[in-house]
Amino acid sequence: MRRLWLVFWRMGVAYLFYPVMIGLMVYITIHGYHWVFGVGIIAAILILDPMWGRIASNAIRMWRGRKRG
C-alpha cells in the first residue's frame, strides 16, 4: 500500500509541477511584482526538473564531441 501512495505522490508532483509554476508566473505578472521573482521561478524550474539537467549534459557532451576542422 505504501508503494501505491508513493506512485500517486510522484504522479501528482509530475502533473502539477508546471501548472503551479505557470500559475505563479501569471500571479506575479498580474500583481506587478518585480521581474526578479520571475527569474527565480525560471531558475527553480531549471534546478528542480531533472529533465533540464539531462538536456544540458547531452548538449555539453555533443558540443565537446564535435570535430573541429
PDB file of N, CA and C in Angstrom:
ATOM      1  N   MET A   1       0.814  -1.200   0.000  1.00  0.00           N
ATOM      2  CA  MET A   1       0.000   0.000   0.000  1.00  0.00           C
ATOM      3  C   MET A   1       0.860   1.269   0.000  1.00  0.00           C
ATOM      4  N   ARG A   2       2.006   1.170   0.684  1.00  0.00           N
ATOM      5  CA  ARG A   2       2.910   2.322   0.737  1.00  0.00           C
ATOM      6  C   ARG A   2       3.447   2.670  -0.653  1.00  0.00           C
ATOM      7  N   ARG A   3       3.734   1.655  -1.447  1.00  0.00           N
ATOM      8  CA  ARG A   3       4.229   1.902  -2.808  1.00  0.00           C
ATOM      9  C   ARG A   3       3.172   2.555  -3.676  1.00  0.00           C
ATOM     10  N   LEU A   4       1.921   2.187  -3.461  1.00  0.00           N
ATOM     11  CA  LEU A   4       0.832   2.784  -4.230  1.00  0.00           C
ATOM     12  C   LEU A   4       0.731   4.282  -3.937  1.00  0.00           C
ATOM     13  N   TRP A   5       0.830   4.655  -2.667  1.00  0.00           N
ATOM     14  CA  TRP A   5       0.782   6.069  -2.322  1.00  0.00           C
ATOM     15  C   TRP A   5       2.003   6.810  -2.850  1.00  0.00           C
ATOM     16  N   LEU A   6       3.132   6.139  -2.885  1.00  0.00           N
ATOM     17  CA  LEU A   6       4.334   6.739  -3.449  1.00  0.00           C
ATOM     18  C   LEU A   6       4.146   7.021  -4.938  1.00  0.00           C
ATOM     19  N   VAL A   7       3.508   6.092  -5.627  1.00  0.00           N
ATOM     20  CA  VAL A   7       3.226   6.295  -7.055  1.00  0.00           C
ATOM     21  C   VAL A   7       2.291   7.484  -7.243  1.00  0.00           C
ATOM     22  N   PHE A   8       1.230   7.555  -6.434  1.00  0.00           N
ATOM     23  CA  PHE A   8       0.305   8.680  -6.545  1.00  0.00           C
ATOM     24  C   PHE A   8       0.990  10.003  -6.230  1.00  0.00           C
ATOM     25  N   TRP A   9       1.870  10.005  -5.236  1.00  0.00           N
ATOM     26  CA  TRP A   9       2.603  11.222  -4.887  1.00  0.00           C
ATOM     27  C   TRP A   9       3.502  11.670  -6.046  1.00  0.00           C
ATOM     28  N   ARG A  10       4.249  10.741  -6.601  1.00  0.00           N
ATOM     29  CA  ARG A  10       5.155  11.096  -7.704  1.00  0.00           C
ATOM     30  C   ARG A  10       4.389  11.556  -8.939  1.00  0.00           C
ATOM     31  N   MET A  11       3.273  10.916  -9.234  1.00  0.00           N
ATOM     32  CA  MET A  11       2.469  11.337 -10.380  1.00  0.00           C
ATOM     33  C   MET A  11       1.854  12.715 -10.128  1.00  0.00           C
ATOM     34  N   GLY A  12       1.428  12.961  -8.906  1.00  0.00           N
ATOM     35  CA  GLY A  12       0.883  14.274  -8.576  1.00  0.00           C
ATOM     36  C   GLY A  12       1.910  15.376  -8.738  1.00  0.00           C
ATOM     37  N   VAL A  13       3.105  15.114  -8.261  1.00  0.00           N
ATOM     38  CA  VAL A  13       4.175  16.103  -8.423  1.00  0.00           C
ATOM     39  C   VAL A  13       4.489  16.310  -9.908  1.00  0.00           C
ATOM     40  N   ALA A  14       4.536  15.228 -10.653  1.00  0.00           N
ATOM     41  CA  ALA A  14       4.870  15.328 -12.076  1.00  0.00           C
ATOM     42  C   ALA A  14       3.812  16.103 -12.853  1.00  0.00           C
ATOM     43  N   TYR A  15       2.546  15.859 -12.542  1.00  0.00           N
ATOM     44  CA  TYR A  15       1.478  16.523 -13.290  1.00  0.00           C
ATOM     45  C   TYR A  15       1.165  17.931 -12.803  1.00  0.00           C
ATOM     46  N   LEU A  16       1.529  18.269 -11.579  1.00  0.00           N
ATOM     47  CA  LEU A  16       1.189  19.579 -11.046  1.00  0.00           C
ATOM     48  C   LEU A  16       2.351  20.562 -11.040  1.00  0.00           C
ATOM     49  N   PHE A  17       3.556  20.117 -11.348  1.00  0.00           N
ATOM     50  CA  PHE A  17       4.730  20.983 -11.250  1.00  0.00           C
ATOM     51  C   PHE A  17       4.631  22.180 -12.199  1.00  0.00           C
ATOM     52  N   TYR A  18       4.473  21.923 -13.482  1.00  0.00           N
ATOM     53  CA  TYR A  18       4.438  23.021 -14.441  1.00  0.00           C
ATOM     54  C   TYR A  18       3.180  23.873 -14.336  1.00  0.00           C
ATOM     55  N   PRO A  19       1.982  23.305 -14.113  1.00  0.00           N
ATOM     56  CA  PRO A  19       0.830  24.199 -13.911  1.00  0.00           C
ATOM     57  C   PRO A  19       0.987  25.139 -12.717  1.00  0.00           C
ATOM     58  N   VAL A  20       1.600  24.648 -11.642  1.00  0.00           N
ATOM     59  CA  VAL A  20       1.822  25.523 -10.485  1.00  0.00           C
ATOM     60  C   VAL A  20       2.820  26.621 -10.841  1.00  0.00           C
ATOM     61  N   MET A  21       3.873  26.275 -11.539  1.00  0.00           N
ATOM     62  CA  MET A  21       4.868  27.282 -11.924  1.00  0.00           C
ATOM     63  C   MET A  21       4.274  28.314 -12.886  1.00  0.00           C
ATOM     64  N   ILE A  22       3.479  27.862 -13.829  1.00  0.00           N
ATOM     65  CA  ILE A  22       2.823  28.797 -14.754  1.00  0.00           C
ATOM     66  C   ILE A  22       1.853  29.683 -13.987  1.00  0.00           C
ATOM     67  N   GLY A  23       1.131  29.101 -13.044  1.00  0.00           N
ATOM     68  CA  GLY A  23       0.224  29.891 -12.215  1.00  0.00           C
ATOM     69  C   GLY A  23       0.961  30.947 -11.406  1.00  0.00           C
ATOM     70  N   LEU A  24       2.117  30.598 -10.871  1.00  0.00           N
ATOM     71  CA  LEU A  24       2.929  31.581 -10.153  1.00  0.00           C
ATOM     72  C   LEU A  24       3.398  32.700 -11.074  1.00  0.00           C
ATOM     73  N   MET A  25       3.786  32.355 -12.286  1.00  0.00           N
ATOM     74  CA  MET A  25       4.216  33.381 -13.246  1.00  0.00           C
ATOM     75  C   MET A  25       3.066  34.329 -13.584  1.00  0.00           C
ATOM     76  N   VAL A  26       1.878  33.778 -13.805  1.00  0.00           N
ATOM     77  CA  VAL A  26       0.713  34.611 -14.091  1.00  0.00           C
ATOM     78  C   VAL A  26       0.390  35.491 -12.892  1.00  0.00           C
ATOM     79  N   TYR A  27       0.467  34.930 -11.700  1.00  0.00           N
ATOM     80  CA  TYR A  27       0.169  35.681 -10.481  1.00  0.00           C
ATOM     81  C   TYR A  27       1.109  36.872 -10.313  1.00  0.00           C
ATOM     82  N   ILE A  28       2.414  36.635 -10.477  1.00  0.00           N
ATOM     83  CA  ILE A  28       3.343  37.755 -10.285  1.00  0.00           C
ATOM     84  C   ILE A  28       3.228  38.776 -11.410  1.00  0.00           C
ATOM     85  N   THR A  29       2.790  38.333 -12.591  1.00  0.00           N
ATOM     86  CA  THR A  29       2.592  39.278 -13.688  1.00  0.00           C
ATOM     87  C   THR A  29       1.370  40.152 -13.433  1.00  0.00           C
ATOM     88  N   ILE A  30       0.280  39.542 -12.999  1.00  0.00           N
ATOM     89  CA  ILE A  30      -0.955  40.291 -12.751  1.00  0.00           C
ATOM     90  C   ILE A  30      -0.770  41.286 -11.607  1.00  0.00           C
ATOM     91  N   HIS A  31      -0.090  40.878 -10.565  1.00  0.00           N
ATOM     92  CA  HIS A  31       0.073  41.734  -9.396  1.00  0.00           C
ATOM     93  C   HIS A  31       1.258  42.687  -9.508  1.00  0.00           C
ATOM     94  N   GLY A  32       2.006  42.620 -10.596  1.00  0.00           N
ATOM     95  CA  GLY A  32       3.060  43.587 -10.857  1.00  0.00           C
ATOM     96  C   GLY A  32       4.281  43.470  -9.969  1.00  0.00           C
ATOM     97  N   TYR A  33       4.618  42.258  -9.567  1.00  0.00           N
ATOM     98  CA  TYR A  33       5.828  42.072  -8.776  1.00  0.00           C
ATOM     99  C   TYR A  33       7.064  42.310  -9.634  1.00  0.00           C
ATOM    100  N   HIS A  34       8.190  42.459  -8.972  1.00  0.00           N
ATOM    101  CA  HIS A  34       9.450  42.728  -9.649  1.00  0.00           C
ATOM    102  C   HIS A  34       9.836  41.541 -10.533  1.00  0.00           C
ATOM    103  N   TRP A  35      10.542  41.819 -11.627  1.00  0.00           N
ATOM    104  CA  TRP A  35      10.893  40.772 -12.590  1.00  0.00           C
ATOM    105  C   TRP A  35      11.818  39.719 -12.002  1.00  0.00           C
ATOM    106  N   VAL A  36      12.498  40.041 -10.904  1.00  0.00           N
ATOM    107  CA  VAL A  36      13.417  39.087 -10.284  1.00  0.00           C
ATOM    108  C   VAL A  36      12.661  37.849  -9.780  1.00  0.00           C
ATOM    109  N   PHE A  37      11.414  38.018  -9.368  1.00  0.00           N
ATOM    110  CA  PHE A  37      10.637  36.863  -8.932  1.00  0.00           C
ATOM    111  C   PHE A  37      10.372  35.910 -10.098  1.00  0.00           C
ATOM    112  N   GLY A  38      10.152  36.451 -11.291  1.00  0.00           N
ATOM    113  CA  GLY A  38      10.001  35.605 -12.479  1.00  0.00           C
ATOM    114  C   GLY A  38      11.271  34.851 -12.800  1.00  0.00           C
ATOM    115  N   VAL A  39      12.396  35.514 -12.665  1.00  0.00           N
ATOM    116  CA  VAL A  39      13.680  34.852 -12.887  1.00  0.00           C
ATOM    117  C   VAL A  39      13.884  33.758 -11.847  1.00  0.00           C
ATOM    118  N   GLY A  40      13.454  34.010 -10.631  1.00  0.00           N
ATOM    119  CA  GLY A  40      13.566  32.996  -9.577  1.00  0.00           C
ATOM    120  C   GLY A  40      12.732  31.769  -9.879  1.00  0.00           C
ATOM    121  N   ILE A  41      11.536  31.970 -10.426  1.00  0.00           N
ATOM    122  CA  ILE A  41      10.687  30.838 -10.787  1.00  0.00           C
ATOM    123  C   ILE A  41      11.316  30.046 -11.926  1.00  0.00           C
ATOM    124  N   ILE A  42      11.853  30.738 -12.914  1.00  0.00           N
ATOM    125  CA  ILE A  42      12.515  30.046 -14.031  1.00  0.00           C
ATOM    126  C   ILE A  42      13.733  29.280 -13.522  1.00  0.00           C
ATOM    127  N   ALA A  43      14.490  29.874 -12.624  1.00  0.00           N
ATOM    128  CA  ALA A  43      15.647  29.172 -12.039  1.00  0.00           C
ATOM    129  C   ALA A  43      15.194  27.946 -11.254  1.00  0.00           C
ATOM    130  N   ALA A  44      14.091  28.069 -10.534  1.00  0.00           N
ATOM    131  CA  ALA A  44      13.565  26.929  -9.787  1.00  0.00           C
ATOM    132  C   ALA A  44      13.155  25.802 -10.729  1.00  0.00           C
ATOM    133  N   ILE A  45      12.570  26.150 -11.860  1.00  0.00           N
ATOM    134  CA  ILE A  45      12.202  25.128 -12.849  1.00  0.00           C
ATOM    135  C   ILE A  45      13.447  24.424 -13.361  1.00  0.00           C
ATOM    136  N   LEU A  46      14.462  25.188 -13.708  1.00  0.00           N
ATOM    137  CA  LEU A  46      15.685  24.596 -14.252  1.00  0.00           C
ATOM    138  C   LEU A  46      16.416  23.737 -13.220  1.00  0.00           C
ATOM    139  N   ILE A  47      16.320  24.094 -11.948  1.00  0.00           N
ATOM    140  CA  ILE A  47      17.000  23.336 -10.904  1.00  0.00           C
ATOM    141  C   ILE A  47      16.200  22.112 -10.488  1.00  0.00           C
ATOM    142  N   LEU A  48      14.894  22.268 -10.318  1.00  0.00           N
ATOM    143  CA  LEU A  48      14.070  21.201  -9.753  1.00  0.00           C
ATOM    144  C   LEU A  48      13.650  20.132 -10.762  1.00  0.00           C
ATOM    145  N   ASP A  49      13.590  20.471 -12.041  1.00  0.00           N
ATOM    146  CA  ASP A  49      13.173  19.496 -13.043  1.00  0.00           C
ATOM    147  C   ASP A  49      14.413  18.771 -13.571  1.00  0.00           C
ATOM    148  N   PRO A  50      14.543  17.472 -13.324  1.00  0.00           N
ATOM    149  CA  PRO A  50      15.761  16.760 -13.724  1.00  0.00           C
ATOM    150  C   PRO A  50      15.929  16.635 -15.238  1.00  0.00           C
ATOM    151  N   MET A  51      14.870  16.816 -15.998  1.00  0.00           N
ATOM    152  CA  MET A  51      14.976  16.696 -17.448  1.00  0.00           C
ATOM    153  C   MET A  51      15.888  17.783 -18.022  1.00  0.00           C
ATOM    154  N   TRP A  52      15.845  18.991 -17.444  1.00  0.00           N
ATOM    155  CA  TRP A  52      16.710  20.064 -17.940  1.00  0.00           C
ATOM    156  C   TRP A  52      18.178  19.749 -17.708  1.00  0.00           C
ATOM    157  N   GLY A  53      18.493  19.064 -16.626  1.00  0.00           N
ATOM    158  CA  GLY A  53      19.874  18.639 -16.379  1.00  0.00           C
ATOM    159  C   GLY A  53      20.340  17.628 -17.408  1.00  0.00           C
ATOM    160  N   ARG A  54      19.456  16.703 -17.764  1.00  0.00           N
ATOM    161  CA  ARG A  54      19.806  15.720 -18.796  1.00  0.00           C
ATOM    162  C   ARG A  54      20.004  16.383 -20.146  1.00  0.00           C
ATOM    163  N   ILE A  55      19.142  17.324 -20.485  1.00  0.00           N
ATOM    164  CA  ILE A  55      19.278  18.038 -21.752  1.00  0.00           C
ATOM    165  C   ILE A  55      20.600  18.803 -21.786  1.00  0.00           C
ATOM    166  N   ALA A  56      20.929  19.469 -20.686  1.00  0.00           N
ATOM    167  CA  ALA A  56      22.177  20.237 -20.637  1.00  0.00           C
ATOM    168  C   ALA A  56      23.394  19.327 -20.733  1.00  0.00           C
ATOM    169  N   SER A  57      23.373  18.188 -20.037  1.00  0.00           N
ATOM    170  CA  SER A  57      24.529  17.297 -20.104  1.00  0.00           C
ATOM    171  C   SER A  57      24.691  16.702 -21.506  1.00  0.00           C
ATOM    172  N   ASN A  58      23.591  16.377 -22.166  1.00  0.00           N
ATOM    173  CA  ASN A  58      23.690  15.883 -23.544  1.00  0.00           C
ATOM    174  C   ASN A  58      24.195  16.966 -24.488  1.00  0.00           C
ATOM    175  N   ALA A  59      23.751  18.193 -24.297  1.00  0.00           N
ATOM    176  CA  ALA A  59      24.219  19.288 -25.148  1.00  0.00           C
ATOM    177  C   ALA A  59      25.713  19.531 -24.945  1.00  0.00           C
ATOM    178  N   ILE A  60      26.169  19.471 -23.705  1.00  0.00           N
ATOM    179  CA  ILE A  60      27.600  19.668 -23.431  1.00  0.00           C
ATOM    180  C   ILE A  60      28.412  18.535 -24.035  1.00  0.00           C
ATOM    181  N   ARG A  61      27.911  17.302 -23.905  1.00  0.00           N
ATOM    182  CA  ARG A  61      28.609  16.155 -24.477  1.00  0.00           C
ATOM    183  C   ARG A  61      28.700  16.278 -26.002  1.00  0.00           C
ATOM    184  N   MET A  62      27.616  16.698 -26.642  1.00  0.00           N
ATOM    185  CA  MET A  62      27.636  16.874 -28.098  1.00  0.00           C
ATOM    186  C   MET A  62      28.585  18.005 -28.491  1.00  0.00           C
ATOM    187  N   TRP A  63      28.607  19.097 -27.697  1.00  0.00           N
ATOM    188  CA  TRP A  63      29.456  20.222 -28.025  1.00  0.00           C
ATOM    189  C   TRP A  63      30.922  19.865 -27.890  1.00  0.00           C
ATOM    190  N   ARG A  64      31.259  19.085 -26.871  1.00  0.00           N
ATOM    191  CA  ARG A  64      32.646  18.665 -26.685  1.00  0.00           C
ATOM    192  C   ARG A  64      33.071  17.603 -27.697  1.00  0.00           C
ATOM    193  N   GLY A  65      32.141  16.813 -28.190  1.00  0.00           N
ATOM    194  CA  GLY A  65      32.474  15.721 -29.088  1.00  0.00           C
ATOM    195  C   GLY A  65      32.539  16.109 -30.553  1.00  0.00           C
ATOM    196  N   ARG A  66      32.177  17.336 -30.874  1.00  0.00           N
ATOM    197  CA  ARG A  66      32.200  17.724 -32.292  1.00  0.00           C
ATOM    198  C   ARG A  66      33.636  17.855 -32.782  1.00  0.00           C
ATOM    199  N   LYS A  67      33.794  17.616 -34.058  1.00  0.00           N
ATOM    200  CA  LYS A  67      35.145  17.691 -34.647  1.00  0.00           C
ATOM    201  C   LYS A  67      35.405  19.099 -35.133  1.00  0.00           C
ATOM    202  N   ARG A  68      36.591  19.547 -34.888  1.00  0.00           N
ATOM    203  CA  ARG A  68      36.978  20.875 -35.358  1.00  0.00           C
ATOM    204  C   ARG A  68      37.783  20.717 -36.641  1.00  0.00           C
ATOM    205  N   GLY A  69      37.477  21.520 -37.550  1.00  0.00           N
ATOM    206  CA  GLY A  69      38.233  21.320 -38.754  1.00  0.00           C
ATOM    207  C   GLY A  69      38.135  22.425 -39.667  1.00  0.00           C
TER     208      GLY A  69
END
